[in-house]
Amino acid sequence: MQPLAILFAVQANRGYALSAMPDAPIVPPKPPRPNRTEPIRRATAVALHRLADLVEPRAASVSQPALR
């Protein structure tokens, strides 16, 4: 291993261990990215629901006798 890599690993491990301390600095979370695929996903879901309604068999009416 490279000596520099060992130093970086020790510093990273120390920073990770000390991040659980009560006086650790609080970093606010990043705001979520806007979802650019939402319109495509919604249109696909609507199309699939309509296709499922067309393909799904209808319930038999009450007056129709059952098949054997």
C-alpha atoms as a PDB file:
ATOM      1  CA  MET A   1       0.000   0.000   0.000  1.00  0.00           C
ATOM      2  CA  GLN A   2       1.050   3.548  -0.550  1.00  0.00           C
ATOM      3  CA  PRO A   3       1.906   5.539   2.578  1.00  0.00           C
ATOM      4  CA  LEU A   4      -0.298   8.385   1.380  1.00  0.00           C
ATOM      5  CA  ALA A   5      -3.267   6.014   1.050  1.00  0.00           C
ATOM      6  CA  ILE A   6      -2.732   4.867   4.627  1.00  0.00           C
ATOM      7  CA  LEU A   7      -2.761   8.462   5.854  1.00  0.00           C
ATOM      8  CA  PHE A   8      -5.971   9.216   3.958  1.00  0.00           C
ATOM      9  CA  ALA A   9      -7.587   6.049   5.316  1.00  0.00           C
ATOM     10  CA  VAL A  10      -6.684   6.974   8.896  1.00  0.00           C
ATOM     11  CA  GLN A  11      -8.021  10.516   8.474  1.00  0.00           C
ATOM     12  CA  ALA A  12     -11.232   9.283   6.853  1.00  0.00           C
ATOM     13  CA  ASN A  13     -11.769   6.717   9.585  1.00  0.00           C
ATOM     14  CA  ARG A  14     -11.147   9.294  12.316  1.00  0.00           C
ATOM     15  CA  GLY A  15     -13.575  11.731  10.674  1.00  0.00           C
ATOM     16  CA  TYR A  16     -16.204   9.005  10.411  1.00  0.00           C
ATOM     17  CA  ALA A  17     -15.755   7.971  14.051  1.00  0.00           C
ATOM     18  CA  LEU A  18     -15.834  11.545  15.348  1.00  0.00           C
ATOM     19  CA  SER A  19     -18.956  12.403  13.344  1.00  0.00           C
ATOM     20  CA  ALA A  20     -21.023  10.620  15.986  1.00  0.00           C
ATOM     21  CA  MET A  21     -19.832  12.934  18.737  1.00  0.00           C
ATOM     22  CA  PRO A  22     -22.448  15.224  20.360  1.00  0.00           C
ATOM     23  CA  ASP A  23     -20.637  18.385  19.284  1.00  0.00           C
ATOM     24  CA  ALA A  24     -20.165  17.268  15.667  1.00  0.00           C
ATOM     25  CA  PRO A  25     -21.077  19.897  13.060  1.00  0.00           C
ATOM     26  CA  ILE A  26     -24.516  19.521  11.536  1.00  0.00           C
ATOM     27  CA  VAL A  27     -24.559  19.502   7.753  1.00  0.00           C
ATOM     28  CA  PRO A  28     -27.991  20.133   6.244  1.00  0.00           C
ATOM     29  CA  PRO A  29     -29.120  17.522   3.714  1.00  0.00           C
ATOM     30  CA  LYS A  30     -29.007  18.361   0.034  1.00  0.00           C
ATOM     31  CA  PRO A  31     -32.366  19.324  -1.474  1.00  0.00           C
ATOM     32  CA  PRO A  32     -33.864  16.562  -3.623  1.00  0.00           C
ATOM     33  CA  ARG A  33     -33.340  16.776  -7.348  1.00  0.00           C
ATOM     34  CA  PRO A  34     -36.420  17.522  -9.433  1.00  0.00           C
ATOM     35  CA  ASN A  35     -37.936  14.426 -10.984  1.00  0.00           C
ATOM     36  CA  ARG A  36     -37.788  14.965 -14.735  1.00  0.00           C
ATOM     37  CA  THR A  37     -39.343  11.593 -15.609  1.00  0.00           C
ATOM     38  CA  GLU A  38     -42.593  12.123 -13.668  1.00  0.00           C
ATOM     39  CA  PRO A  39     -44.734  13.109 -16.720  1.00  0.00           C
ATOM     40  CA  ILE A  40     -43.468  10.118 -18.717  1.00  0.00           C
ATOM     41  CA  ARG A  41     -44.077   7.723 -15.842  1.00  0.00           C
ATOM     42  CA  ARG A  42     -47.572   9.108 -15.249  1.00  0.00           C
ATOM     43  CA  ALA A  43     -48.516   8.839 -18.948  1.00  0.00           C
ATOM     44  CA  THR A  44     -47.172   5.286 -19.110  1.00  0.00           C
ATOM     45  CA  ALA A  45     -49.159   4.303 -16.028  1.00  0.00           C
ATOM     46  CA  VAL A  46     -52.366   5.788 -17.489  1.00  0.00           C
ATOM     47  CA  ALA A  47     -51.829   3.941 -20.788  1.00  0.00           C
ATOM     48  CA  LEU A  48     -51.164   0.632 -19.011  1.00  0.00           C
ATOM     49  CA  HIS A  49     -54.257   1.034 -16.815  1.00  0.00           C
ATOM     50  CA  ARG A  50     -56.426   1.695 -19.857  1.00  0.00           C
ATOM     51  CA  LEU A  51     -54.935  -1.312 -21.659  1.00  0.00           C
ATOM     52  CA  ALA A  52     -55.568  -3.489 -18.604  1.00  0.00           C
ATOM     53  CA  ASP A  53     -59.207  -2.327 -18.512  1.00  0.00           C
ATOM     54  CA  LEU A  54     -59.608  -3.362 -22.163  1.00  0.00           C
ATOM     55  CA  VAL A  55     -57.938  -6.768 -21.749  1.00  0.00           C
ATOM     56  CA  GLU A  56     -59.466  -7.736 -18.393  1.00  0.00           C
ATOM     57  CA  PRO A  57     -62.439 -10.094 -18.735  1.00  0.00           C
ATOM     58  CA  ARG A  58     -65.809  -8.780 -17.650  1.00  0.00           C
ATOM     59  CA  ALA A  59     -67.784 -10.339 -14.835  1.00  0.00           C
ATOM     60  CA  ALA A  60     -70.644 -12.573 -15.885  1.00  0.00           C
ATOM     61  CA  SER A  61     -74.089 -11.106 -15.430  1.00  0.00           C
ATOM     62  CA  VAL A  62     -76.489 -12.625 -12.882  1.00  0.00           C
ATOM     63  CA  SER A  63     -78.941 -13.940 -15.492  1.00  0.00           C
ATOM     64  CA  GLN A  64     -76.233 -15.771 -17.464  1.00  0.00           C
ATOM     65  CA  PRO A  65     -75.854 -19.464 -16.489  1.00  0.00           C
ATOM     66  CA  ALA A  66     -72.441 -20.654 -15.376  1.00  0.00           C
ATOM     67  CA  LEU A  67     -70.359 -22.707 -17.818  1.00  0.00           C
ATOM     68  CA  ARG A  68     -69.419 -26.251 -16.901  1.00  0.00           C
END
